[in-house]
C-alpha atoms as a PDB file:
ATOM      1  CA  GLN A   1     -12.255 -16.787  12.816  1.00  0.00           C
ATOM      2  CA  VAL A   2     -12.216 -13.701  10.599  1.00  0.00           C
ATOM      3  CA  GLN A   3     -11.044 -13.456   7.020  1.00  0.00           C
ATOM      4  CA  LEU A   4     -10.226 -10.082   5.502  1.00  0.00           C
ATOM      5  CA  VAL A   5      -9.931  -9.524   1.763  1.00  0.00           C
ATOM      6  CA  GLU A   6      -8.597  -6.215   0.443  1.00  0.00           C
ATOM      7  CA  SER A   7      -9.074  -4.907  -3.078  1.00  0.00           C
ATOM      8  CA  GLY A   8      -8.733  -1.720  -5.072  1.00  0.00           C
ATOM      9  CA  GLY A   9      -4.992  -1.190  -5.191  1.00  0.00           C
ATOM     10  CA  ARG A  10      -3.400  -0.305  -8.518  1.00  0.00           C
ATOM     11  CA  LEU A  11      -1.008   2.054 -10.260  1.00  0.00           C
ATOM     12  CA  VAL A  12      -2.144   5.680 -10.173  1.00  0.00           C
ATOM     13  CA  GLN A  13      -0.554   9.017 -11.023  1.00  0.00           C
ATOM     14  CA  ALA A  14       0.363  11.526  -8.343  1.00  0.00           C
ATOM     15  CA  GLY A  15      -2.628  13.674  -7.471  1.00  0.00           C
ATOM     16  CA  GLY A  16      -5.039  10.885  -8.296  1.00  0.00           C
ATOM     17  CA  SER A  17      -7.534   9.020  -6.150  1.00  0.00           C
ATOM     18  CA  LEU A  18      -8.243   5.427  -5.190  1.00  0.00           C
ATOM     19  CA  ARG A  19     -10.740   3.631  -3.012  1.00  0.00           C
ATOM     20  CA  LEU A  20      -9.608   0.521  -1.193  1.00  0.00           C
ATOM     21  CA  SER A  21     -12.100  -2.004   0.119  1.00  0.00           C
ATOM     22  CA  CYS A  22     -11.789  -4.610   2.834  1.00  0.00           C
ATOM     23  CA  ALA A  23     -14.465  -7.278   3.092  1.00  0.00           C
ATOM     24  CA  ALA A  24     -14.700  -9.215   6.348  1.00  0.00           C
ATOM     25  CA  ASN A  25     -16.067 -12.736   6.466  1.00  0.00           C
ATOM     26  CA  GLY A  26     -16.860 -14.990   9.349  1.00  0.00           C
ATOM     27  CA  ARG A  27     -17.649 -12.543  12.110  1.00  0.00           C
ATOM     28  CA  THR A  28     -19.648  -9.394  12.578  1.00  0.00           C
ATOM     29  CA  PHE A  29     -17.497  -6.431  13.345  1.00  0.00           C
ATOM     30  CA  THR A  30     -19.860  -3.718  14.414  1.00  0.00           C
ATOM     31  CA  THR A  31     -18.347  -3.340  17.869  1.00  0.00           C
ATOM     32  CA  ILE A  32     -14.641  -3.690  17.159  1.00  0.00           C
ATOM     33  CA  ALA A  33     -12.035  -1.571  15.492  1.00  0.00           C
ATOM     34  CA  MET A  34     -11.136  -1.879  11.825  1.00  0.00           C
ATOM     35  CA  ALA A  35      -7.906  -0.350  10.602  1.00  0.00           C
ATOM     36  CA  TRP A  36      -5.723   0.232   7.580  1.00  0.00           C
ATOM     37  CA  PHE A  37      -1.964  -0.073   7.770  1.00  0.00           C
ATOM     38  CA  ARG A  38       0.634   0.185   5.051  1.00  0.00           C
ATOM     39  CA  GLN A  39       4.127  -1.116   4.485  1.00  0.00           C
ATOM     40  CA  ALA A  40       6.627   0.070   1.925  1.00  0.00           C
ATOM     41  CA  PRO A  41       9.686  -1.986   0.959  1.00  0.00           C
ATOM     42  CA  GLY A  42      12.366  -1.783   3.618  1.00  0.00           C
ATOM     43  CA  LYS A  43      10.091   0.045   6.061  1.00  0.00           C
ATOM     44  CA  GLU A  44       8.041  -0.969   9.053  1.00  0.00           C
ATOM     45  CA  ARG A  45       4.312  -1.398   8.866  1.00  0.00           C
ATOM     46  CA  GLU A  46       2.646   1.891   9.803  1.00  0.00           C
ATOM     47  CA  PHE A  47      -0.812   2.935  10.899  1.00  0.00           C
ATOM     48  CA  VAL A  48      -2.918   4.787   8.344  1.00  0.00           C
ATOM     49  CA  ALA A  49      -6.487   5.024   9.676  1.00  0.00           C
ATOM     50  CA  ALA A  50      -9.012   3.211  11.843  1.00  0.00           C
ATOM     51  CA  THR A  51     -12.686   3.262  12.658  1.00  0.00           C
ATOM     52  CA  ARG A  52     -14.840   1.869  15.411  1.00  0.00           C
ATOM     53  CA  TRP A  53     -18.598   1.759  15.476  1.00  0.00           C
ATOM     54  CA  SER A  54     -19.780   2.912  18.860  1.00  0.00           C
ATOM     55  CA  GLY A  55     -23.144   1.191  18.755  1.00  0.00           C
ATOM     56  CA  SER A  56     -24.926   4.481  18.109  1.00  0.00           C
ATOM     57  CA  THR A  57     -24.857   6.692  15.046  1.00  0.00           C
ATOM     58  CA  THR A  58     -21.363   7.928  15.722  1.00  0.00           C
ATOM     59  CA  ASP A  59     -18.278   6.370  14.252  1.00  0.00           C
ATOM     60  CA  TYR A  60     -14.982   6.935  15.964  1.00  0.00           C
ATOM     61  CA  THR A  61     -12.113   7.454  13.560  1.00  0.00           C
ATOM     62  CA  SER A  62      -8.399   8.055  13.810  1.00  0.00           C
ATOM     63  CA  TYR A  63      -5.887   9.048  11.174  1.00  0.00           C
ATOM     64  CA  ALA A  64      -2.152   9.223  10.867  1.00  0.00           C
ATOM     65  CA  ASP A  65      -0.978  12.808  10.529  1.00  0.00           C
ATOM     66  CA  PHE A  66       0.432  12.200   7.060  1.00  0.00           C
ATOM     67  CA  VAL A  67      -3.004  11.313   5.640  1.00  0.00           C
ATOM     68  CA  LYS A  68      -5.244  13.803   7.412  1.00  0.00           C
ATOM     69  CA  GLY A  69      -7.326  15.728   4.935  1.00  0.00           C
ATOM     70  CA  ARG A  70      -6.462  13.323   2.112  1.00  0.00           C
ATOM     71  CA  PHE A  71      -7.755   9.905   3.223  1.00  0.00           C
ATOM     72  CA  THR A  72     -11.147   8.982   4.609  1.00  0.00           C
ATOM     73  CA  ILE A  73     -12.037   5.725   6.306  1.00  0.00           C
ATOM     74  CA  SER A  74     -15.628   4.545   6.290  1.00  0.00           C
ATOM     75  CA  ARG A  75     -17.556   1.358   6.856  1.00  0.00           C
ATOM     76  CA  ASP A  76     -20.719  -0.357   5.704  1.00  0.00           C
ATOM     77  CA  ASN A  77     -21.785  -2.670   8.506  1.00  0.00           C
ATOM     78  CA  ALA A  78     -24.504  -4.244   6.390  1.00  0.00           C
ATOM     79  CA  LYS A  79     -21.824  -5.388   3.946  1.00  0.00           C
ATOM     80  CA  ASN A  80     -19.147  -6.066   6.579  1.00  0.00           C
ATOM     81  CA  THR A  81     -16.854  -3.842   4.559  1.00  0.00           C
ATOM     82  CA  VAL A  82     -14.513  -1.003   5.411  1.00  0.00           C
ATOM     83  CA  TYR A  83     -13.241   1.469   2.836  1.00  0.00           C
ATOM     84  CA  LEU A  84     -10.281   3.790   2.512  1.00  0.00           C
ATOM     85  CA  GLN A  85     -10.873   6.662   0.144  1.00  0.00           C
ATOM     86  CA  MET A  86      -7.529   8.134  -0.847  1.00  0.00           C
ATOM     87  CA  THR A  87      -7.177  11.461  -2.632  1.00  0.00           C
ATOM     88  CA  SER A  88      -4.271  13.729  -3.579  1.00  0.00           C
ATOM     89  CA  LEU A  89      -2.027  10.694  -3.682  1.00  0.00           C
ATOM     90  CA  LYS A  90       1.718  11.191  -3.485  1.00  0.00           C
ATOM     91  CA  PRO A  91       4.586   8.917  -4.563  1.00  0.00           C
ATOM     92  CA  GLU A  92       5.409   8.406  -0.876  1.00  0.00           C
ATOM     93  CA  ASP A  93       1.989   6.780  -0.438  1.00  0.00           C
ATOM     94  CA  THR A  94       3.286   3.849  -2.474  1.00  0.00           C
ATOM     95  CA  ALA A  95       3.007   0.739  -0.289  1.00  0.00           C
ATOM     96  CA  ASN A  96       1.163  -2.473   0.300  1.00  0.00           C
ATOM     97  CA  TYR A  97      -1.996  -1.569   2.197  1.00  0.00           C
ATOM     98  CA  TYR A  98      -3.356  -3.992   4.778  1.00  0.00           C
ATOM     99  CA  CYS A  99      -6.707  -4.209   6.501  1.00  0.00           C
ATOM    100  CA  ALA A 100      -6.784  -5.398  10.101  1.00  0.00           C
ATOM    101  CA  THR A 101      -9.241  -6.018  12.898  1.00  0.00           C
ATOM    102  CA  GLY A 102      -9.397  -7.473  16.370  1.00  0.00           C
ATOM    103  CA  PRO A 103      -9.219  -4.991  19.227  1.00  0.00           C
ATOM    104  CA  GLN A 104     -12.296  -3.500  20.804  1.00  0.00           C
ATOM    105  CA  PHE A 105     -10.798  -0.033  20.673  1.00  0.00           C
ATOM    106  CA  ILE A 106      -8.764   1.761  18.065  1.00  0.00           C
ATOM    107  CA  SER A 107      -5.031   1.227  18.338  1.00  0.00           C
ATOM    108  CA  ARG A 108      -2.159   2.452  16.195  1.00  0.00           C
ATOM    109  CA  ARG A 109      -0.020  -0.561  17.068  1.00  0.00           C
ATOM    110  CA  PRO A 110       0.027  -3.414  14.546  1.00  0.00           C
ATOM    111  CA  GLY A 111       0.458  -5.859  17.410  1.00  0.00           C
ATOM    112  CA  ALA A 112      -2.964  -4.953  18.781  1.00  0.00           C
ATOM    113  CA  TYR A 113      -4.703  -6.487  15.766  1.00  0.00           C
ATOM    114  CA  ASP A 114      -5.436 -10.196  15.530  1.00  0.00           C
ATOM    115  CA  TYR A 115      -6.596 -10.553  11.947  1.00  0.00           C
ATOM    116  CA  TRP A 116      -4.981  -9.287   8.779  1.00  0.00           C
ATOM    117  CA  GLY A 117      -5.736  -9.353   5.082  1.00  0.00           C
ATOM    118  CA  GLN A 118      -3.223 -10.278   2.410  1.00  0.00           C
ATOM    119  CA  GLY A 119      -2.699  -6.668   1.342  1.00  0.00           C
ATOM    120  CA  THR A 120      -3.338  -4.700  -1.822  1.00  0.00           C
ATOM    121  CA  GLN A 121      -0.568  -2.847  -3.643  1.00  0.00           C
ATOM    122  CA  VAL A 122      -0.865   0.882  -4.244  1.00  0.00           C
ATOM    123  CA  THR A 123       1.725   2.447  -6.514  1.00  0.00           C
ATOM    124  CA  VAL A 124       1.770   6.198  -7.102  1.00  0.00           C
ATOM    125  CA  SER A 125       3.851   7.412 -10.015  1.00  0.00           C
ATOM    126  CA  SER A 126       5.333  10.896 -10.119  1.00  0.00           C
END
């Protein structure tokens, strides 16, 4: 069983930055994918970014087009934590951000992930 706990969401002005954290408990996750999704009111949950440790020094990462160049996903395996550094935030980035894990390989489908956190709210004011 895996428990994921997100933190770091808050109200921020447009153009600002935030770093979200997701701490995983109960299972090592060095060989599976970790992802961030987000869901705004009235919208479907959408893929944001994901990372997978390959077992060597190379991390595989994937980003949604709308966050490329602005968001960076990273992980600290020693702390069982994955981060989402968000810069140049826009009002349309406002959403509840969820951490997820489960599949061996990166997927952009929410259904591919077995474990989810409770979410952390990010609100970007204009």
